[in-house]
Protein backbone atom coordinates (compact mmCIF):
# COMPACT_ATOMS: atom_id res chain seq x y z
CA MET A 1 0.00 0.00 0.00
CA VAL A 2 1.29 3.43 -0.92
CA LYS A 3 1.25 6.00 1.85
CA LEU A 4 2.27 9.57 1.10
CA ASN A 5 2.47 11.82 4.13
CA LYS A 6 4.78 14.44 2.71
CA ILE A 7 4.16 15.61 -0.86
CA TYR A 8 7.29 17.69 -1.34
CA THR A 9 10.72 16.17 -0.75
CA ARG A 10 13.05 18.77 -2.29
CA THR A 11 15.06 15.90 -3.81
CA GLY A 12 14.09 17.02 -7.31
CA ASP A 13 15.30 20.58 -6.82
CA ASP A 14 18.53 19.64 -8.61
CA GLY A 15 16.62 18.71 -11.78
CA THR A 16 16.55 14.94 -11.17
CA THR A 17 13.89 12.41 -10.29
CA GLY A 18 14.26 9.08 -8.48
CA LEU A 19 13.29 5.81 -10.09
CA VAL A 20 12.06 2.63 -8.42
CA ASP A 21 15.56 1.12 -8.43
CA GLY A 22 16.91 4.09 -6.44
CA SER A 23 18.75 5.64 -9.38
CA ARG A 24 18.23 9.27 -10.28
CA ARG A 25 17.71 10.62 -13.77
CA ALA A 26 17.54 14.12 -15.20
CA LYS A 27 13.95 15.30 -15.51
CA HIS A 28 14.52 15.65 -19.27
CA ASP A 29 15.80 12.05 -19.58
CA PRO A 30 13.87 10.01 -22.19
CA ARG A 31 12.61 7.66 -19.44
CA LEU A 32 11.16 10.59 -17.50
CA GLU A 33 9.72 12.05 -20.70
CA ALA A 34 7.86 8.77 -21.31
CA ILE A 35 6.65 8.61 -17.71
CA GLY A 36 5.46 12.22 -17.94
CA GLU A 37 3.57 11.58 -21.16
CA VAL A 38 1.82 8.59 -19.56
CA ASP A 39 0.91 10.78 -16.58
CA GLU A 40 -0.57 13.42 -18.90
CA LEU A 41 -2.44 10.68 -20.76
CA ASN A 42 -3.88 9.41 -17.48
CA SER A 43 -5.15 12.90 -16.68
CA ALA A 44 -6.74 13.23 -20.12
CA VAL A 45 -8.44 9.84 -19.72
CA GLY A 46 -9.83 10.99 -16.37
CA PHE A 47 -11.06 14.22 -17.97
CA ALA A 48 -12.78 12.21 -20.71
CA ALA A 49 -14.43 9.90 -18.18
CA LEU A 50 -16.23 12.88 -16.61
CA ALA A 51 -18.25 13.37 -19.80
CA LEU A 52 -19.27 9.73 -20.30
CA ALA A 53 -22.01 7.39 -19.17
CA ALA A 54 -21.20 5.35 -16.06
CA ASP A 55 -20.29 2.10 -17.85
CA ARG A 56 -17.85 3.85 -20.15
CA ALA A 57 -16.45 5.95 -17.30
CA VAL A 58 -15.76 2.75 -15.34
CA ALA A 59 -13.91 1.32 -18.35
CA LEU A 60 -11.76 4.45 -18.49
CA GLN A 61 -11.07 4.27 -14.76
CA ARG A 62 -9.75 0.74 -15.28
CA ILE A 63 -7.52 2.13 -18.03
CA GLN A 64 -6.32 4.82 -15.63
CA ASN A 65 -5.28 2.08 -13.23
CA ASP A 66 -3.47 0.32 -16.09
CA LEU A 67 -1.68 3.58 -16.86
CA PHE A 68 -0.41 3.77 -13.28
CA ASP A 69 0.88 0.22 -13.76
CA LEU A 70 2.53 1.35 -16.99
CA GLY A 71 4.11 4.36 -15.28
CA ALA A 72 5.49 2.08 -12.54
CA ASP A 73 6.81 -0.26 -15.24
CA LEU A 74 8.60 2.61 -17.00
CA ALA A 75 9.95 3.84 -13.64
CA THR A 76 11.61 0.44 -13.07
CA PRO A 77 14.49 -0.02 -15.52
CA LEU A 78 16.04 -3.45 -15.87
CA GLY A 79 18.62 -4.05 -13.16
CA ASP A 80 18.82 -5.05 -9.52
CA VAL A 81 15.24 -4.13 -8.57
CA GLY A 82 13.87 -4.49 -12.10
CA GLY A 83 15.22 -7.99 -12.66
CA ALA A 84 16.88 -9.33 -15.78
CA ASP A 85 13.68 -9.30 -17.84
CA PHE A 86 10.20 -7.84 -17.78
CA THR A 87 8.59 -10.57 -15.69
CA PRO A 88 6.49 -9.07 -12.89
CA SER A 89 7.18 -10.06 -9.30
CA PRO A 90 5.88 -9.10 -5.87
CA MET A 91 8.45 -6.29 -5.86
CA VAL A 92 8.22 -5.25 -9.53
CA LEU A 93 5.05 -4.10 -11.26
CA ARG A 94 5.02 -4.76 -15.00
CA VAL A 95 2.38 -4.50 -17.71
CA VAL A 96 1.54 -8.02 -18.88
CA ALA A 97 0.34 -9.30 -22.26
CA ALA A 98 -3.20 -9.79 -20.93
CA GLN A 99 -3.64 -6.01 -20.62
CA PRO A 100 -3.26 -5.10 -24.32
CA ALA A 101 -5.14 -8.31 -25.19
CA ARG A 102 -8.08 -7.10 -23.08
CA LEU A 103 -8.06 -3.82 -25.02
CA GLU A 104 -8.12 -5.77 -28.29
CA ALA A 105 -11.22 -7.67 -27.16
CA GLU A 106 -12.90 -4.43 -26.12
CA ILE A 107 -12.00 -2.80 -29.45
CA ASP A 108 -13.53 -5.73 -31.32
CA ALA A 109 -16.72 -5.57 -29.22
CA LEU A 110 -17.14 -1.81 -29.72
CA ASN A 111 -16.26 -1.94 -33.40
CA ALA A 112 -18.76 -4.73 -34.14
CA ALA A 113 -21.65 -2.33 -33.58
CA LEU A 114 -20.24 0.48 -35.75
CA PRO A 115 -20.64 1.09 -39.48
CA PRO A 116 -17.44 0.70 -41.52
CA LEU A 117 -15.37 3.84 -42.00
CA THR A 118 -15.70 5.44 -45.42
CA SER A 119 -13.54 8.48 -44.68
CA PHE A 120 -11.16 9.80 -42.08
CA ILE A 121 -13.09 11.36 -39.22
CA LEU A 122 -12.63 14.68 -37.51
CA PRO A 123 -12.00 14.50 -33.76
CA GLY A 124 -15.25 15.66 -32.21
CA GLY A 125 -18.93 15.02 -32.67
CA SER A 126 -19.92 15.25 -29.03
CA GLU A 127 -18.18 16.55 -25.93
CA GLY A 128 -17.46 13.04 -24.68
CA ALA A 129 -16.06 11.91 -28.02
CA ALA A 130 -13.95 15.07 -28.34
CA ARG A 131 -12.43 14.44 -24.90
CA VAL A 132 -11.71 10.83 -25.83
CA HIS A 133 -10.08 11.96 -29.09
CA LEU A 134 -7.87 14.34 -27.10
CA ALA A 135 -6.83 11.43 -24.87
CA ARG A 136 -6.17 9.37 -28.03
CA ALA A 137 -3.81 12.01 -29.40
CA ILE A 138 -1.97 12.14 -26.07
CA ALA A 139 -1.78 8.32 -26.08
CA ARG A 140 -0.02 8.50 -29.43
CA ARG A 141 2.46 11.04 -28.03
CA ALA A 142 3.07 8.81 -25.00
CA GLU A 143 3.66 5.89 -27.36
CA ARG A 144 6.17 7.93 -29.36
CA ALA A 145 8.01 8.87 -26.14
CA ALA A 146 8.09 5.23 -25.01
CA ALA A 147 9.31 4.13 -28.45
CA ALA A 148 12.05 6.78 -28.33
CA LEU A 149 13.10 5.43 -24.93
CA ALA A 150 13.07 1.87 -26.33
CA ALA A 151 15.52 2.99 -29.01
CA SER A 152 18.11 3.70 -26.33
CA GLU A 153 17.36 1.23 -23.52
CA PRO A 154 15.10 -1.75 -22.83
CA VAL A 155 11.37 -1.12 -22.44
CA ASN A 156 8.77 -3.76 -21.66
CA PRO A 157 7.25 -4.86 -25.02
CA ALA A 158 3.86 -5.32 -23.31
CA ALA A 159 3.96 -1.67 -22.20
CA LEU A 160 4.63 -0.55 -25.76
CA ALA A 161 1.83 -2.79 -27.05
CA TYR A 162 -0.55 -1.41 -24.41
CA LEU A 163 0.03 2.18 -25.52
CA ASN A 164 -0.46 1.19 -29.15
CA ARG A 165 -3.73 -0.64 -28.42
CA LEU A 166 -4.93 2.16 -26.15
CA SER A 167 -4.86 4.74 -28.92
CA ASP A 168 -6.86 2.32 -31.10
CA TYR A 169 -9.30 1.67 -28.25
CA LEU A 170 -9.83 5.38 -27.67
CA PHE A 171 -10.44 5.94 -31.39
CA VAL A 172 -13.10 3.24 -31.50
CA LEU A 173 -14.60 4.38 -28.19
CA ALA A 174 -14.99 7.91 -29.58
CA ARG A 175 -16.79 6.47 -32.61
CA ALA A 176 -19.04 4.42 -30.31
CA ILE A 177 -19.86 7.51 -28.25
CA ASN A 178 -20.89 9.23 -31.47
CA ALA A 179 -22.87 6.10 -32.43
CA GLY A 180 -21.00 6.04 -35.74
CA ASN A 181 -22.26 9.55 -36.62
CA ASP A 182 -18.77 10.99 -36.76
CA PRO A 183 -17.93 14.27 -38.44
CA LEU A 184 -16.14 13.29 -41.63
CA TRP A 185 -13.09 14.83 -43.22
CA VAL A 186 -13.88 16.39 -46.58
CA PRO A 187 -10.54 16.61 -48.40
CA GLY A 188 -10.10 20.15 -49.71
CA GLY A 189 -13.56 21.03 -48.44
CA SER A 190 -12.48 24.43 -47.12
CA ARG A 191 -10.67 25.66 -50.24
């Protein structure tokens, strides 16, 4: 159980942040950039949930929990505490393959009730869908940050897959919120 009595520690005043393994990294380090993007994504998902029906809000709250798992995963580089691979343990929280697989099943279920796409869609339609589209765009940025990190040091493949599936899930969820009545892109329509 996490217990936070003191919110400020002053340990980051030197421009570094501590990771789970006890190491410190510059706040502009690619690992911290990825963690920060996931944190922003989590906030955007919470903002979207406020505009949705209860069942969809609950689904997004579960995703928020997954995003905390993902942030903890990113905050635990391979090593002494992180282990030699990305296997979770009682001391190391990792995203597991079942999490992106669950998103795939939910995407398929939502998509089954929607008409096929005949054009690119504009992010919007309703307030709830617009908020979900904003979260989707932030999910793509978080995925890019995690992929950039993975280019320089090991990142859990399940975490990368989760971010990729999440942007797809949010796209399909926004379409479901709009009941398939999405605003469509009209190429050159404003010329």
